[in-house]
Each structure stands twice: as structure tokens, then as C-alpha cells.
Amino acid sequence: MSGPGAGIRPDARRNFFRAAVATLLALIVFSTAGCVVNNEGLVPVVTGVDVHRVDSIADQLPPQIAASGRLLVGTNPPYAPNEFKDESGTIVGFDVDLMTAAGQVLGLTVELQEADFDKIIPAVQAGTFNVGASSFTDTLEREKSVDFVTYYSAGVQWAQRPDDDIDPNNACGLRVGVQTTTIEDIEEVPAKSAACVAAGKPPIEKIKYDSQDEVANALILGRIDALSADSPVTAYAIRRSDGRIVPAGEVFDAAPYGWVVAKGSPLAPVLQQAMQYLIDGGQYRAIAEAWGVEAGVIETSVINGAMS
């Protein structure tokens, strides 16, 4: 989450190729309360996706992981459409389906385990999780402690209520909602607020929420003036808001999402090869298009692709 990355948020979900990929949680607006909540909605249909174990890649797995037959993945829903829960409580989303496909290339069963976002990286470092998959933004600071396998390019996108006129570059004195521990929380909004203070203007009042659903609700209810989140997350909230949320400005500060692995782990190059296999074979784009996030697809997966 940016979101991720931290927002990079933002995590994970499920058993992949069942007849219909994952149940897309819809944010439904209740006219009586004006709130946005998660509820079962559309089921994206993935076509052109056929993934099997690729021996030349899977044979490079660390012996302990290969022997277990499992890939333990930490994730932190809700951060729709990347990782969130359907009505039955199953973790679904773009990140989940992509990670599941990568697991199939490696001949592994992906086991998603829900965790607090800010505890996923320490858990990967400690070996509790093999991978962290929760819309993590790959940053130079994070690369000091863990490695990233890139799989998507996300920017930051603000949103506002329809009748407002919010400028993300001139938001001094406004209340801006973010999901806690995302890039927007840790870096983007604080930097904008510091610039306001340096110019002699009032700071931005950053208001943090535990989930992205809460941020969207707060904006609809007028508790905040704007929200800031990763571009696919904001776009999803806008689509599900029944016109109560609209974009505020353009997408900016594009940066890579990455799957988190332990620093120096031999799993990183194997996971990167699996990701590149999905890119080259077209399965990656098919999954992205099914979830409506094809705007951020990449052509090459790398290990540690941070730009800042």
C-alpha cells in the first residue's frame, strides 16, 4: 500500500483457478447511511490463463520450501481490489490471484495468512512468512531490510466529494484520510504537509484509519475533505461509490509494487522468474484485466526496483 507500501497496502487471498477466479467485493453505498461497505458483488472471469508447474523454475526453489509444498504468504485485507474478503470471508483480489498463479508455476500451494500490515515485513524477516503480498510499495528504505520482486506499477490518486475542488498540491489546512502505514501515511501526505508549513501555511491534518473502507466512508460522510491511496485502490473505491466519490487531480508518483522476501533469500530470483513467466505468457495481463487494473501492468519483473 502505496500501499501502498506501505500502501502499499496495504493482502491476500485464495484458491485461484476455480471456475470463476475470485469474488470481487463491491463497495455498496447505502442511501440511508451514506456508507460504503464490502459486500459480495461481481465475479471477474479470467480467460486465457492456464498455469502449470514449470520444472526449470520450480527446481530452483530453496529445499525447505520445495519439501513443504507450500508458500506461506502474509497479507492484510481490506485493500480492494488488490486484497480483500468476499462475503464468505475468503481473501480475494488481484494480488491474491497473481500470487496463486506464481505458486502454481512453482508447484506450490499458496497459503494466505492475514496479519497487520506493519507486522508483515518483520514476519518475513523472522521466517514466519515466506512472502509478504499486500500491495507493498518497493522503496529504497525498505530495501535496506528486505528484498522485493516487482509485479505492478501504482501511483498515488486522491479523491474528493463531487462538489468539492481539491488540489493535492495545494491541500494546506485540509483533512486528508489515509490508511495507516501506507506510503500515503508515511511519506506522501507528511511531505505535502511539511511543504505547507515551510510556506507559512497551515499543515495538512492527516487522519489515519485502519482500513481503506473506513477512509472511503469518512470521505462520503464528510469527516475528511479528501483521501489519498494507491491509484488502483482509489479507482476501485470511486467505481463502487455510486458517484459519491470522484478523482481529485491526476495520478502521480508512480512506483513499483513488490512481493516481500527476506533479504538475500534465494527465493527472490525464483519468484522473479515465476513472475516473468506469467508476464511473457500473457497470464499476468489476463488476471490484471479481469480485475480492471491493467493500467499498471509491467513488462519486466525485477528484484529491488525502487526509484526512491
C-alpha atoms as a PDB file:
ATOM      1  CA  MET A   1       0.000   0.000   0.000  1.00  0.00           C
ATOM      2  CA  SER A   2       1.353   2.863  -1.532  1.00  0.00           C
ATOM      3  CA  GLY A   3       0.066   0.915  -0.354  1.00  0.00           C
ATOM      4  CA  PRO A   4       0.733   1.077  -0.618  1.00  0.00           C
ATOM      5  CA  GLY A   5       3.517   0.196   0.510  1.00  0.00           C
ATOM      6  CA  ALA A   6       3.247   0.650   2.805  1.00  0.00           C
ATOM      7  CA  GLY A   7       0.388   1.307   0.773  1.00  0.00           C
ATOM      8  CA  ILE A   8       1.018  -0.107  -0.166  1.00  0.00           C
ATOM      9  CA  ARG A   9      -1.453  -1.669   1.096  1.00  0.00           C
ATOM     10  CA  PRO A  10      -1.588  -2.485   2.004  1.00  0.00           C
ATOM     11  CA  ASP A  11      -3.004  -8.588   1.275  1.00  0.00           C
ATOM     12  CA  ALA A  12      -4.111 -11.695   0.170  1.00  0.00           C
ATOM     13  CA  ARG A  13      -6.336 -14.326  -0.663  1.00  0.00           C
ATOM     14  CA  ARG A  14      -7.171 -17.537  -2.053  1.00  0.00           C
ATOM     15  CA  ASN A  15      -7.594 -20.541  -4.033  1.00  0.00           C
ATOM     16  CA  PHE A  16      -7.160 -19.393  -7.547  1.00  0.00           C
ATOM     17  CA  PHE A  17      -8.448 -21.172 -10.579  1.00  0.00           C
ATOM     18  CA  ARG A  18     -11.840 -22.244  -9.591  1.00  0.00           C
ATOM     19  CA  ALA A  19     -14.282 -21.710 -12.412  1.00  0.00           C
ATOM     20  CA  ALA A  20     -14.648 -18.090 -11.603  1.00  0.00           C
ATOM     21  CA  VAL A  21     -11.494 -16.541 -10.233  1.00  0.00           C
ATOM     22  CA  ALA A  22     -12.243 -14.604  -7.124  1.00  0.00           C
ATOM     23  CA  THR A  23     -15.338 -12.894  -5.922  1.00  0.00           C
ATOM     24  CA  LEU A  24     -14.946  -9.187  -6.424  1.00  0.00           C
ATOM     25  CA  LEU A  25     -16.080  -7.381  -3.354  1.00  0.00           C
ATOM     26  CA  ALA A  26     -18.293  -4.478  -4.189  1.00  0.00           C
ATOM     27  CA  LEU A  27     -18.378  -1.329  -2.142  1.00  0.00           C
ATOM     28  CA  ILE A  28     -22.110  -0.768  -1.810  1.00  0.00           C
ATOM     29  CA  VAL A  29     -23.409   2.678  -0.907  1.00  0.00           C
ATOM     30  CA  PHE A  30     -26.363   2.621   1.430  1.00  0.00           C
ATOM     31  CA  SER A  31     -28.581   5.604   0.738  1.00  0.00           C
ATOM     32  CA  THR A  32     -29.851   5.657   4.280  1.00  0.00           C
ATOM     33  CA  ALA A  33     -26.455   5.890   5.917  1.00  0.00           C
ATOM     34  CA  GLY A  34     -24.284   7.065   3.054  1.00  0.00           C
ATOM     35  CA  CYS A  35     -21.635   4.492   3.914  1.00  0.00           C
ATOM     36  CA  VAL A  36     -19.508   2.204   1.827  1.00  0.00           C
ATOM     37  CA  VAL A  37     -19.208  -1.396   2.951  1.00  0.00           C
ATOM     38  CA  ASN A  38     -17.824  -4.581   1.499  1.00  0.00           C
ATOM     39  CA  ASN A  39     -20.381  -6.978   0.094  1.00  0.00           C
ATOM     40  CA  GLU A  40     -20.327  -9.766  -2.436  1.00  0.00           C
ATOM     41  CA  GLY A  41     -20.603  -8.419  -5.953  1.00  0.00           C
ATOM     42  CA  LEU A  42     -19.172  -9.093  -9.390  1.00  0.00           C
ATOM     43  CA  VAL A  43     -17.092 -12.170 -10.170  1.00  0.00           C
ATOM     44  CA  PRO A  44     -14.343 -11.343 -12.662  1.00  0.00           C
ATOM     45  CA  VAL A  45     -13.928 -14.020 -15.291  1.00  0.00           C
ATOM     46  CA  VAL A  46     -10.344 -14.783 -16.242  1.00  0.00           C
ATOM     47  CA  THR A  47      -9.759 -16.116 -19.743  1.00  0.00           C
ATOM     48  CA  GLY A  48      -6.529 -17.153 -21.411  1.00  0.00           C
ATOM     49  CA  VAL A  49      -4.997 -18.283 -18.129  1.00  0.00           C
ATOM     50  CA  ASP A  50      -3.535 -21.772 -17.914  1.00  0.00           C
ATOM     51  CA  VAL A  51      -0.768 -22.214 -15.374  1.00  0.00           C
ATOM     52  CA  HIS A  52       1.158 -25.379 -14.541  1.00  0.00           C
ATOM     53  CA  ARG A  53       4.356 -26.221 -12.714  1.00  0.00           C
ATOM     54  CA  VAL A  54       7.415 -25.141 -14.704  1.00  0.00           C
ATOM     55  CA  ASP A  55      10.176 -27.536 -13.721  1.00  0.00           C
ATOM     56  CA  SER A  56      13.063 -25.328 -14.842  1.00  0.00           C
ATOM     57  CA  ILE A  57      11.904 -22.639 -12.395  1.00  0.00           C
ATOM     58  CA  ALA A  58      10.432 -24.768  -9.601  1.00  0.00           C
ATOM     59  CA  ASP A  59      13.581 -26.907  -9.351  1.00  0.00           C
ATOM     60  CA  GLN A  60      15.460 -23.791  -8.148  1.00  0.00           C
ATOM     61  CA  LEU A  61      13.320 -23.384  -5.029  1.00  0.00           C
ATOM     62  CA  PRO A  62      15.053 -23.430  -1.639  1.00  0.00           C
ATOM     63  CA  PRO A  63      14.932 -27.072  -0.479  1.00  0.00           C
ATOM     64  CA  GLN A  64      12.924 -26.353   2.663  1.00  0.00           C
ATOM     65  CA  ILE A  65      10.149 -24.589   0.752  1.00  0.00           C
ATOM     66  CA  ALA A  66      10.134 -27.190  -2.020  1.00  0.00           C
ATOM     67  CA  ALA A  67       9.837 -30.000   0.514  1.00  0.00           C
ATOM     68  CA  SER A  68       6.940 -28.305   2.296  1.00  0.00           C
ATOM     69  CA  GLY A  69       4.944 -27.888  -0.901  1.00  0.00           C
ATOM     70  CA  ARG A  70       3.628 -24.606   0.492  1.00  0.00           C
ATOM     71  CA  LEU A  71       4.262 -20.904   0.137  1.00  0.00           C
ATOM     72  CA  LEU A  72       3.276 -19.078   3.325  1.00  0.00           C
ATOM     73  CA  VAL A  73       2.111 -15.599   2.355  1.00  0.00           C
ATOM     74  CA  GLY A  74       1.263 -12.772   4.739  1.00  0.00           C
ATOM     75  CA  THR A  75      -1.379 -10.294   3.620  1.00  0.00           C
ATOM     76  CA  ASN A  76      -3.576  -7.557   5.035  1.00  0.00           C
ATOM     77  CA  PRO A  77      -7.100  -7.053   3.694  1.00  0.00           C
ATOM     78  CA  PRO A  78      -9.117  -4.969   3.087  1.00  0.00           C
ATOM     79  CA  TYR A  79      -7.368  -3.087   0.283  1.00  0.00           C
ATOM     80  CA  ALA A  80      -9.699  -3.696  -2.641  1.00  0.00           C
ATOM     81  CA  PRO A  81      -9.266  -4.621  -5.413  1.00  0.00           C
ATOM     82  CA  ASN A  82      -5.823  -5.932  -4.510  1.00  0.00           C
ATOM     83  CA  GLU A  83      -6.650  -7.905  -1.383  1.00  0.00           C
ATOM     84  CA  PHE A  84      -9.960  -8.053   0.482  1.00  0.00           C
ATOM     85  CA  LYS A  85     -12.518 -10.544   1.767  1.00  0.00           C
ATOM     86  CA  ASP A  86     -15.587 -11.765  -0.038  1.00  0.00           C
ATOM     87  CA  GLU A  87     -18.875 -12.349   1.736  1.00  0.00           C
ATOM     88  CA  SER A  88     -17.757 -15.780   2.924  1.00  0.00           C
ATOM     89  CA  GLY A  89     -14.594 -14.342   4.472  1.00  0.00           C
ATOM     90  CA  THR A  90     -12.257 -15.689   1.794  1.00  0.00           C
ATOM     91  CA  ILE A  91      -9.384 -13.376   0.857  1.00  0.00           C
ATOM     92  CA  VAL A  92      -9.638 -12.479  -2.819  1.00  0.00           C
ATOM     93  CA  GLY A  93      -8.288  -9.904  -5.251  1.00  0.00           C
ATOM     94  CA  PHE A  94      -5.748  -9.112  -7.934  1.00  0.00           C
ATOM     95  CA  ASP A  95      -2.723  -9.662  -5.702  1.00  0.00           C
ATOM     96  CA  VAL A  96      -4.155 -12.928  -4.480  1.00  0.00           C
ATOM     97  CA  ASP A  97      -4.848 -14.340  -7.904  1.00  0.00           C
ATOM     98  CA  LEU A  98      -1.440 -13.306  -9.185  1.00  0.00           C
ATOM     99  CA  MET A  99       0.377 -14.814  -6.213  1.00  0.00           C
ATOM    100  CA  THR A 100      -1.640 -18.009  -6.587  1.00  0.00           C
ATOM    101  CA  ALA A 101      -0.660 -18.214 -10.254  1.00  0.00           C
ATOM    102  CA  ALA A 102       3.014 -17.735  -9.333  1.00  0.00           C
ATOM    103  CA  GLY A 103       2.642 -20.507  -6.783  1.00  0.00           C
ATOM    104  CA  GLN A 104       1.296 -22.794  -9.491  1.00  0.00           C
ATOM    105  CA  VAL A 105       4.341 -22.084 -11.659  1.00  0.00           C
ATOM    106  CA  LEU A 106       6.436 -23.178  -8.680  1.00  0.00           C
ATOM    107  CA  GLY A 107       4.281 -26.211  -7.934  1.00  0.00           C
ATOM    108  CA  LEU A 108       3.379 -24.812  -4.521  1.00  0.00           C
ATOM    109  CA  THR A 109       0.113 -24.330  -2.680  1.00  0.00           C
ATOM    110  CA  VAL A 110      -0.214 -20.698  -1.619  1.00  0.00           C
ATOM    111  CA  GLU A 111      -1.434 -20.352   1.954  1.00  0.00           C
ATOM    112  CA  LEU A 112      -2.616 -16.840   2.744  1.00  0.00           C
ATOM    113  CA  GLN A 113      -2.365 -15.707   6.336  1.00  0.00           C
ATOM    114  CA  GLU A 114      -3.930 -12.449   7.466  1.00  0.00           C
ATOM    115  CA  ALA A 115      -1.735 -10.129   9.504  1.00  0.00           C
ATOM    116  CA  ASP A 116      -1.467  -6.475  10.487  1.00  0.00           C
ATOM    117  CA  PHE A 117       0.166  -4.626   7.632  1.00  0.00           C
ATOM    118  CA  ASP A 118       3.030  -3.254   9.702  1.00  0.00           C
ATOM    119  CA  LYS A 119       3.814  -6.730  11.049  1.00  0.00           C
ATOM    120  CA  ILE A 120       4.177  -8.475   7.699  1.00  0.00           C
ATOM    121  CA  ILE A 121       7.715  -7.343   6.888  1.00  0.00           C
ATOM    122  CA  PRO A 122       9.035  -8.287  10.368  1.00  0.00           C
ATOM    123  CA  ALA A 123       7.308 -11.663   9.993  1.00  0.00           C
ATOM    124  CA  VAL A 124       9.031 -12.221   6.637  1.00  0.00           C
ATOM    125  CA  GLN A 125      12.349 -11.289   8.229  1.00  0.00           C
ATOM    126  CA  ALA A 126      11.706 -13.748  11.059  1.00  0.00           C
ATOM    127  CA  GLY A 127      10.767 -16.548   8.659  1.00  0.00           C
ATOM    128  CA  THR A 128       7.137 -16.750   9.779  1.00  0.00           C
ATOM    129  CA  PHE A 129       6.066 -15.922   6.215  1.00  0.00           C
ATOM    130  CA  ASN A 130       7.936 -16.847   3.051  1.00  0.00           C
ATOM    131  CA  VAL A 131       6.441 -13.864   1.241  1.00  0.00           C
ATOM    132  CA  GLY A 132       4.568 -10.672   2.015  1.00  0.00           C
ATOM    133  CA  ALA A 133       1.919  -9.856  -0.608  1.00  0.00           C
ATOM    134  CA  SER A 134      -0.108  -6.831   0.374  1.00  0.00           C
ATOM    135  CA  SER A 135       0.334  -4.031  -2.161  1.00  0.00           C
ATOM    136  CA  PHE A 136       3.753  -3.171  -0.750  1.00  0.00           C
ATOM    137  CA  THR A 137       5.480  -0.300  -2.476  1.00  0.00           C
ATOM    138  CA  ASP A 138       9.099  -1.119  -3.220  1.00  0.00           C
ATOM    139  CA  THR A 139      11.146   1.702  -1.670  1.00  0.00           C
ATOM    140  CA  LEU A 140      14.870   2.255  -1.164  1.00  0.00           C
ATOM    141  CA  GLU A 141      14.309   2.471   2.575  1.00  0.00           C
ATOM    142  CA  ARG A 142      12.530  -0.858   2.711  1.00  0.00           C
ATOM    143  CA  GLU A 143      15.155  -2.470   0.517  1.00  0.00           C
ATOM    144  CA  LYS A 144      17.613  -1.990   3.379  1.00  0.00           C
ATOM    145  CA  SER A 145      15.842  -4.723   5.333  1.00  0.00           C
ATOM    146  CA  VAL A 146      14.037  -6.922   2.756  1.00  0.00           C
ATOM    147  CA  ASP A 147      14.046  -7.679  -0.964  1.00  0.00           C
ATOM    148  CA  PHE A 148      11.206  -7.082  -3.401  1.00  0.00           C
ATOM    149  CA  VAL A 149      10.058  -8.899  -6.533  1.00  0.00           C
ATOM    150  CA  THR A 150       8.202  -6.298  -8.586  1.00  0.00           C
ATOM    151  CA  TYR A 151       4.857  -7.082 -10.232  1.00  0.00           C
ATOM    152  CA  TYR A 152       2.950  -3.816 -10.804  1.00  0.00           C
ATOM    153  CA  SER A 153       3.316  -0.041 -11.138  1.00  0.00           C
ATOM    154  CA  ALA A 154       0.979   2.049  -8.988  1.00  0.00           C
ATOM    155  CA  GLY A 155       0.759   5.781  -8.491  1.00  0.00           C
ATOM    156  CA  VAL A 156      -0.968   7.899  -5.886  1.00  0.00           C
ATOM    157  CA  GLN A 157      -4.508   9.107  -6.566  1.00  0.00           C
ATOM    158  CA  TRP A 158      -6.566  11.491  -4.426  1.00  0.00           C
ATOM    159  CA  ALA A 159     -10.367  11.526  -4.286  1.00  0.00           C
ATOM    160  CA  GLN A 160     -12.951  14.043  -3.144  1.00  0.00           C
ATOM    161  CA  ARG A 161     -16.706  14.532  -2.982  1.00  0.00           C
ATOM    162  CA  PRO A 162     -18.259  15.615  -6.303  1.00  0.00           C
ATOM    163  CA  ASP A 163     -18.940  19.251  -5.406  1.00  0.00           C
ATOM    164  CA  ASP A 164     -15.510  19.953  -3.929  1.00  0.00           C
ATOM    165  CA  ASP A 165     -12.437  21.300  -5.689  1.00  0.00           C
ATOM    166  CA  ILE A 166      -9.404  19.679  -4.062  1.00  0.00           C
ATOM    167  CA  ASP A 167      -5.875  20.209  -5.373  1.00  0.00           C
ATOM    168  CA  PRO A 168      -3.473  17.582  -3.975  1.00  0.00           C
ATOM    169  CA  ASN A 169      -0.631  20.058  -4.482  1.00  0.00           C
ATOM    170  CA  ASN A 170      -2.404  22.771  -2.503  1.00  0.00           C
ATOM    171  CA  ALA A 171      -4.177  20.982   0.312  1.00  0.00           C
ATOM    172  CA  CYS A 172      -2.846  23.019   3.239  1.00  0.00           C
ATOM    173  CA  GLY A 173      -5.259  23.054   6.154  1.00  0.00           C
ATOM    174  CA  LEU A 174      -7.432  20.255   4.786  1.00  0.00           C
ATOM    175  CA  ARG A 175      -8.313  16.940   6.415  1.00  0.00           C
ATOM    176  CA  VAL A 176      -6.889  14.088   4.357  1.00  0.00           C
ATOM    177  CA  GLY A 177      -7.647  10.454   5.115  1.00  0.00           C
ATOM    178  CA  VAL A 178      -5.138   7.643   4.637  1.00  0.00           C
ATOM    179  CA  GLN A 179      -4.848   4.003   5.602  1.00  0.00           C
ATOM    180  CA  THR A 180      -2.334   3.583   8.388  1.00  0.00           C
ATOM    181  CA  THR A 181       1.229   2.521   7.487  1.00  0.00           C
ATOM    182  CA  THR A 182       0.731   3.065   3.763  1.00  0.00           C
ATOM    183  CA  ILE A 183       3.106   5.164   1.673  1.00  0.00           C
ATOM    184  CA  GLU A 184       0.493   7.894   1.733  1.00  0.00           C
ATOM    185  CA  ASP A 185       0.536   7.809   5.531  1.00  0.00           C
ATOM    186  CA  ILE A 186       4.281   7.549   5.991  1.00  0.00           C
ATOM    187  CA  GLU A 187       5.675   9.641   3.160  1.00  0.00           C
ATOM    188  CA  GLU A 188       3.348  11.362   0.695  1.00  0.00           C
ATOM    189  CA  VAL A 189       0.924  13.325   2.893  1.00  0.00           C
ATOM    190  CA  PRO A 190       3.561  14.221   5.535  1.00  0.00           C
ATOM    191  CA  ALA A 191       5.815  15.622   2.789  1.00  0.00           C
ATOM    192  CA  LYS A 192       2.978  17.753   1.431  1.00  0.00           C
ATOM    193  CA  SER A 193       2.139  18.945   4.932  1.00  0.00           C
ATOM    194  CA  ALA A 194       5.770  19.870   5.645  1.00  0.00           C
ATOM    195  CA  ALA A 195       5.816  21.931   2.444  1.00  0.00           C
ATOM    196  CA  CYS A 196       2.736  23.787   3.655  1.00  0.00           C
ATOM    197  CA  VAL A 197       4.393  24.644   6.957  1.00  0.00           C
ATOM    198  CA  ALA A 198       7.588  25.729   5.192  1.00  0.00           C
ATOM    199  CA  ALA A 199       5.496  28.119   3.104  1.00  0.00           C
ATOM    200  CA  GLY A 200       3.877  29.601   6.205  1.00  0.00           C
ATOM    201  CA  LYS A 201       0.564  27.842   5.614  1.00  0.00           C
ATOM    202  CA  PRO A 202      -1.399  25.538   7.936  1.00  0.00           C
ATOM    203  CA  PRO A 203      -0.368  21.877   7.857  1.00  0.00           C
ATOM    204  CA  ILE A 204      -2.493  19.124   6.376  1.00  0.00           C
ATOM    205  CA  GLU A 205      -4.490  17.327   9.045  1.00  0.00           C
ATOM    206  CA  LYS A 206      -3.698  13.700   8.299  1.00  0.00           C
ATOM    207  CA  ILE A 207      -6.376  11.363   9.627  1.00  0.00           C
ATOM    208  CA  LYS A 208      -5.460   7.687   9.760  1.00  0.00           C
ATOM    209  CA  TYR A 209      -7.792   4.705   9.520  1.00  0.00           C
ATOM    210  CA  ASP A 210      -7.137   1.002   9.928  1.00  0.00           C
ATOM    211  CA  SER A 211      -8.755   0.041   6.625  1.00  0.00           C
ATOM    212  CA  GLN A 212      -9.337   1.627   3.238  1.00  0.00           C
ATOM    213  CA  ASP A 213     -13.084   1.048   3.603  1.00  0.00           C
ATOM    214  CA  GLU A 214     -13.064   3.342   6.622  1.00  0.00           C
ATOM    215  CA  VAL A 215     -11.237   6.019   4.645  1.00  0.00           C
ATOM    216  CA  ALA A 216     -13.828   5.926   1.855  1.00  0.00           C
ATOM    217  CA  ASN A 217     -16.682   6.023   4.354  1.00  0.00           C
ATOM    218  CA  ALA A 218     -15.164   9.007   6.128  1.00  0.00           C
ATOM    219  CA  LEU A 219     -14.927  10.919   2.865  1.00  0.00           C
ATOM    220  CA  ILE A 220     -18.522  10.160   1.900  1.00  0.00           C
ATOM    221  CA  LEU A 221     -19.737  11.221   5.350  1.00  0.00           C
ATOM    222  CA  GLY A 222     -17.748  14.475   5.283  1.00  0.00           C
ATOM    223  CA  ARG A 223     -15.411  13.576   8.121  1.00  0.00           C
ATOM    224  CA  ILE A 224     -12.446  14.281   5.856  1.00  0.00           C
ATOM    225  CA  ASP A 225     -12.010  16.552   2.847  1.00  0.00           C
ATOM    226  CA  ALA A 226     -10.089  14.111   0.650  1.00  0.00           C
ATOM    227  CA  LEU A 227      -8.456  10.697   0.655  1.00  0.00           C
ATOM    228  CA  SER A 228      -5.108   9.597  -0.697  1.00  0.00           C
ATOM    229  CA  ALA A 229      -4.394   5.998  -1.705  1.00  0.00           C
ATOM    230  CA  ASP A 230      -2.688   3.907  -4.352  1.00  0.00           C
ATOM    231  CA  SER A 231      -4.194   4.524  -7.782  1.00  0.00           C
ATOM    232  CA  PRO A 232      -5.888   1.100  -8.236  1.00  0.00           C
ATOM    233  CA  VAL A 233      -7.380   1.323  -4.760  1.00  0.00           C
ATOM    234  CA  THR A 234      -8.763   4.827  -5.271  1.00  0.00           C
ATOM    235  CA  ALA A 235     -10.118   3.887  -8.688  1.00  0.00           C
ATOM    236  CA  TYR A 236     -11.910   0.898  -7.189  1.00  0.00           C
ATOM    237  CA  ALA A 237     -13.438   2.994  -4.394  1.00  0.00           C
ATOM    238  CA  ILE A 238     -14.652   5.538  -6.952  1.00  0.00           C
ATOM    239  CA  ARG A 239     -16.265   2.850  -9.102  1.00  0.00           C
ATOM    240  CA  ARG A 240     -18.103   1.390  -6.106  1.00  0.00           C
ATOM    241  CA  SER A 241     -19.209   4.701  -4.543  1.00  0.00           C
ATOM    242  CA  ASP A 242     -22.252   5.322  -6.729  1.00  0.00           C
ATOM    243  CA  GLY A 243     -20.947   8.751  -7.698  1.00  0.00           C
ATOM    244  CA  ARG A 244     -20.268   9.932  -4.163  1.00  0.00           C
ATOM    245  CA  ILE A 245     -16.505   9.948  -4.672  1.00  0.00           C
ATOM    246  CA  VAL A 246     -14.673  11.368  -7.689  1.00  0.00           C
ATOM    247  CA  PRO A 247     -10.987  11.827  -8.602  1.00  0.00           C
ATOM    248  CA  ALA A 248      -9.138  14.852  -7.269  1.00  0.00           C
ATOM    249  CA  GLY A 249      -6.322  15.592  -9.698  1.00  0.00           C
ATOM    250  CA  GLU A 250      -4.293  13.130 -11.750  1.00  0.00           C
ATOM    251  CA  VAL A 251      -2.334  10.022 -10.772  1.00  0.00           C
ATOM    252  CA  PHE A 252       1.208  10.907  -9.676  1.00  0.00           C
ATOM    253  CA  ASP A 253       4.384   9.423  -8.178  1.00  0.00           C
ATOM    254  CA  ALA A 254       4.223   6.031  -9.878  1.00  0.00           C
ATOM    255  CA  ALA A 255       6.266   3.376  -8.075  1.00  0.00           C
ATOM    256  CA  PRO A 256       6.531  -0.431  -8.193  1.00  0.00           C
ATOM    257  CA  TYR A 257       4.586  -2.844  -6.054  1.00  0.00           C
ATOM    258  CA  GLY A 258       6.695  -5.763  -4.912  1.00  0.00           C
ATOM    259  CA  TRP A 259       6.334  -9.088  -3.170  1.00  0.00           C
ATOM    260  CA  VAL A 260       8.421  -9.013   0.003  1.00  0.00           C
ATOM    261  CA  VAL A 261      11.012 -11.722   0.699  1.00  0.00           C
ATOM    262  CA  ALA A 262      13.777 -11.951   3.274  1.00  0.00           C
ATOM    263  CA  LYS A 263      16.942 -10.017   2.468  1.00  0.00           C
ATOM    264  CA  GLY A 264      19.256 -12.124   0.344  1.00  0.00           C
ATOM    265  CA  SER A 265      16.818 -15.036   0.215  1.00  0.00           C
ATOM    266  CA  PRO A 266      17.329 -17.490  -2.686  1.00  0.00           C
ATOM    267  CA  LEU A 267      13.539 -17.407  -3.050  1.00  0.00           C
ATOM    268  CA  ALA A 268      13.672 -13.937  -4.630  1.00  0.00           C
ATOM    269  CA  PRO A 269      15.191 -14.924  -8.019  1.00  0.00           C
ATOM    270  CA  VAL A 270      12.898 -17.951  -8.263  1.00  0.00           C
ATOM    271  CA  LEU A 271       9.811 -15.861  -7.566  1.00  0.00           C
ATOM    272  CA  GLN A 272      11.026 -13.250 -10.055  1.00  0.00           C
ATOM    273  CA  GLN A 273      11.357 -15.918 -12.759  1.00  0.00           C
ATOM    274  CA  ALA A 274       7.846 -17.173 -11.998  1.00  0.00           C
ATOM    275  CA  MET A 275       6.502 -13.642 -12.303  1.00  0.00           C
ATOM    276  CA  GLN A 276       8.317 -13.081 -15.599  1.00  0.00           C
ATOM    277  CA  TYR A 277       6.944 -16.376 -16.902  1.00  0.00           C
ATOM    278  CA  LEU A 278       3.407 -15.105 -16.232  1.00  0.00           C
ATOM    279  CA  ILE A 279       4.203 -11.790 -17.922  1.00  0.00           C
ATOM    280  CA  ASP A 280       5.660 -13.416 -21.028  1.00  0.00           C
ATOM    281  CA  GLY A 281       2.871 -15.990 -21.277  1.00  0.00           C
ATOM    282  CA  GLY A 282       0.033 -13.464 -21.046  1.00  0.00           C
ATOM    283  CA  GLN A 283      -1.489 -14.905 -17.869  1.00  0.00           C
ATOM    284  CA  TYR A 284      -0.439 -11.814 -15.910  1.00  0.00           C
ATOM    285  CA  ARG A 285      -2.283  -9.418 -18.209  1.00  0.00           C
ATOM    286  CA  ALA A 286      -5.363 -11.642 -18.249  1.00  0.00           C
ATOM    287  CA  ILE A 287      -5.530 -11.549 -14.461  1.00  0.00           C
ATOM    288  CA  ALA A 288      -4.970  -7.771 -14.371  1.00  0.00           C
ATOM    289  CA  GLU A 289      -7.654  -7.142 -16.985  1.00  0.00           C
ATOM    290  CA  ALA A 290     -10.139  -9.320 -15.116  1.00  0.00           C
ATOM    291  CA  TRP A 291      -9.680  -7.091 -12.059  1.00  0.00           C
ATOM    292  CA  GLY A 292      -9.653  -3.858 -14.048  1.00  0.00           C
ATOM    293  CA  VAL A 293      -6.101  -2.870 -13.050  1.00  0.00           C
ATOM    294  CA  GLU A 294      -4.349  -3.286 -16.404  1.00  0.00           C
ATOM    295  CA  ALA A 295      -3.264   0.376 -16.404  1.00  0.00           C
ATOM    296  CA  GLY A 296      -0.354  -0.518 -14.136  1.00  0.00           C
ATOM    297  CA  VAL A 297       0.928  -3.737 -15.706  1.00  0.00           C
ATOM    298  CA  ILE A 298       4.684  -4.054 -16.214  1.00  0.00           C
ATOM    299  CA  GLU A 299       6.747  -5.794 -18.888  1.00  0.00           C
ATOM    300  CA  THR A 300       9.690  -6.853 -16.749  1.00  0.00           C
ATOM    301  CA  SER A 301       9.806  -8.080 -13.156  1.00  0.00           C
ATOM    302  CA  VAL A 302      12.985  -7.234 -11.262  1.00  0.00           C
ATOM    303  CA  ILE A 303      14.422  -7.719  -7.813  1.00  0.00           C
ATOM    304  CA  ASN A 304      14.530  -4.390  -5.978  1.00  0.00           C
ATOM    305  CA  GLY A 305      13.241  -1.888  -8.481  1.00  0.00           C
ATOM    306  CA  ALA A 306      12.745   1.068  -6.142  1.00  0.00           C
ATOM    307  CA  MET A 307      13.188   4.524  -7.602  1.00  0.00           C
ATOM    308  CA  SER A 308      13.081   6.449  -4.339  1.00  0.00           C
END
